[in-house]
Every structure is written in C-alpha cells, then in structure tokens.
Amino acid sequence: MKRISLKELVKSLKDFIGKEWDGYTKEEKMKWIYSYRKVEDDTEKMIEKHGSVEKWYESGEGRLL
C-alpha cells in the first residue's frame, strides 16, 4: 500500500479541520499527522492479515470508509 504524501496529507487535514489548522502549534499538527500515519499502518497490517481489502471487510474487522 502506498502512503499518501506528506503534502497531500497536510492539504487533506487542512481541508478537514478548516481555518483552525493555521492556528495550531507545530506539536498539534504533528499529532494529527502521526495519528493519520498510525491509521495507515494499522490498515496495512489488517489488509495483509486478511489477504485483501475485500476479505478484510468481509471479516467484519474492516473499516467503513
């Protein structure tokens, strides 16, 4: 699974959070980025465990997007 680039991630977070993002400290922004990266890693592990995205969803453990 290819990770989203940092540039794309920051843009997505800014779009999701809105104008408040600009007022966040560097530490607050990094928490958001690290949280997203953790979800990426966890998702990849679960897909590997089940063999495919479809099988992961079928297992009942898949995330609803």
C-alpha atoms as a PDB file:
ATOM      1  CA  MET A   1       0.000   0.000   0.000  1.00  0.00           C
ATOM      2  CA  LYS A   2       1.390   3.357  -0.990  1.00  0.00           C
ATOM      3  CA  ARG A   3       1.277   6.058   1.657  1.00  0.00           C
ATOM      4  CA  ILE A   4      -0.252   9.419   0.901  1.00  0.00           C
ATOM      5  CA  SER A   5       2.469  12.056   0.536  1.00  0.00           C
ATOM      6  CA  LEU A   6       3.021  14.495   3.384  1.00  0.00           C
ATOM      7  CA  LYS A   7       1.960  17.356   1.125  1.00  0.00           C
ATOM      8  CA  GLU A   8      -1.318  15.605   0.270  1.00  0.00           C
ATOM      9  CA  LEU A   9      -1.881  14.662   3.906  1.00  0.00           C
ATOM     10  CA  VAL A  10      -1.426  18.219   5.157  1.00  0.00           C
ATOM     11  CA  LYS A  11      -3.771  19.530   2.448  1.00  0.00           C
ATOM     12  CA  SER A  12      -6.401  16.946   3.415  1.00  0.00           C
ATOM     13  CA  LEU A  13      -6.061  17.766   7.095  1.00  0.00           C
ATOM     14  CA  LYS A  14      -6.364  21.482   6.377  1.00  0.00           C
ATOM     15  CA  ASP A  15      -9.499  20.821   4.314  1.00  0.00           C
ATOM     16  CA  PHE A  16     -10.952  18.616   7.075  1.00  0.00           C
ATOM     17  CA  ILE A  17     -10.100  20.871  10.027  1.00  0.00           C
ATOM     18  CA  GLY A  18     -10.582  24.208   8.324  1.00  0.00           C
ATOM     19  CA  LYS A  19      -9.137  27.552   9.294  1.00  0.00           C
ATOM     20  CA  GLU A  20      -8.316  26.321  12.795  1.00  0.00           C
ATOM     21  CA  TRP A  21      -5.394  24.359  11.305  1.00  0.00           C
ATOM     22  CA  ASP A  22      -3.453  27.585  10.752  1.00  0.00           C
ATOM     23  CA  GLY A  23      -3.682  28.395  14.465  1.00  0.00           C
ATOM     24  CA  TYR A  24      -2.384  25.002  15.616  1.00  0.00           C
ATOM     25  CA  THR A  25       1.108  24.720  17.019  1.00  0.00           C
ATOM     26  CA  LYS A  26       3.663  22.544  15.272  1.00  0.00           C
ATOM     27  CA  GLU A  27       3.150  19.917  18.003  1.00  0.00           C
ATOM     28  CA  GLU A  28      -0.634  19.867  17.436  1.00  0.00           C
ATOM     29  CA  LYS A  29      -0.164  19.487  13.691  1.00  0.00           C
ATOM     30  CA  MET A  30       2.343  16.677  14.227  1.00  0.00           C
ATOM     31  CA  LYS A  31      -0.159  14.839  16.476  1.00  0.00           C
ATOM     32  CA  TRP A  32      -2.691  14.884  13.647  1.00  0.00           C
ATOM     33  CA  ILE A  33      -0.092  13.684  11.149  1.00  0.00           C
ATOM     34  CA  TYR A  34       1.160  10.890  13.434  1.00  0.00           C
ATOM     35  CA  SER A  35      -2.418   9.800  14.155  1.00  0.00           C
ATOM     36  CA  TYR A  36      -3.152   9.533  10.453  1.00  0.00           C
ATOM     37  CA  ARG A  37       0.062   7.614   9.819  1.00  0.00           C
ATOM     38  CA  LYS A  38      -0.853   5.176  12.615  1.00  0.00           C
ATOM     39  CA  VAL A  39      -4.197   4.507  10.931  1.00  0.00           C
ATOM     40  CA  GLU A  40      -2.372   3.942   7.626  1.00  0.00           C
ATOM     41  CA  ASP A  41      -0.035   1.440   9.313  1.00  0.00           C
ATOM     42  CA  ASP A  42      -2.865  -0.345  11.140  1.00  0.00           C
ATOM     43  CA  THR A  43      -4.898  -0.551   7.941  1.00  0.00           C
ATOM     44  CA  GLU A  44      -1.971  -2.031   6.028  1.00  0.00           C
ATOM     45  CA  LYS A  45      -1.410  -4.666   8.732  1.00  0.00           C
ATOM     46  CA  MET A  46      -5.055  -5.703   8.683  1.00  0.00           C
ATOM     47  CA  ILE A  47      -5.156  -5.941   4.889  1.00  0.00           C
ATOM     48  CA  GLU A  48      -2.030  -8.108   4.965  1.00  0.00           C
ATOM     49  CA  LYS A  49      -3.533 -10.273   7.721  1.00  0.00           C
ATOM     50  CA  HIS A  50      -6.662 -10.964   5.654  1.00  0.00           C
ATOM     51  CA  GLY A  51      -5.021 -11.043   2.231  1.00  0.00           C
ATOM     52  CA  SER A  52      -7.056  -8.319   0.552  1.00  0.00           C
ATOM     53  CA  VAL A  53      -9.220  -5.304   1.271  1.00  0.00           C
ATOM     54  CA  GLU A  54     -12.327  -7.275   0.312  1.00  0.00           C
ATOM     55  CA  LYS A  55     -11.521 -10.137   2.671  1.00  0.00           C
ATOM     56  CA  TRP A  56     -10.755  -7.656   5.438  1.00  0.00           C
ATOM     57  CA  TYR A  57     -14.200  -6.060   5.014  1.00  0.00           C
ATOM     58  CA  GLU A  58     -15.871  -9.464   4.813  1.00  0.00           C
ATOM     59  CA  SER A  59     -14.199 -10.461   8.083  1.00  0.00           C
ATOM     60  CA  GLY A  60     -16.195  -7.823   9.912  1.00  0.00           C
ATOM     61  CA  GLU A  61     -12.982  -6.169  11.108  1.00  0.00           C
ATOM     62  CA  GLY A  62     -12.717  -3.775   8.159  1.00  0.00           C
ATOM     63  CA  ARG A  63     -13.147  -0.048   8.483  1.00  0.00           C
ATOM     64  CA  LEU A  64     -16.112   1.576   6.839  1.00  0.00           C
ATOM     65  CA  LEU A  65     -14.870   4.393   4.671  1.00  0.00           C
END
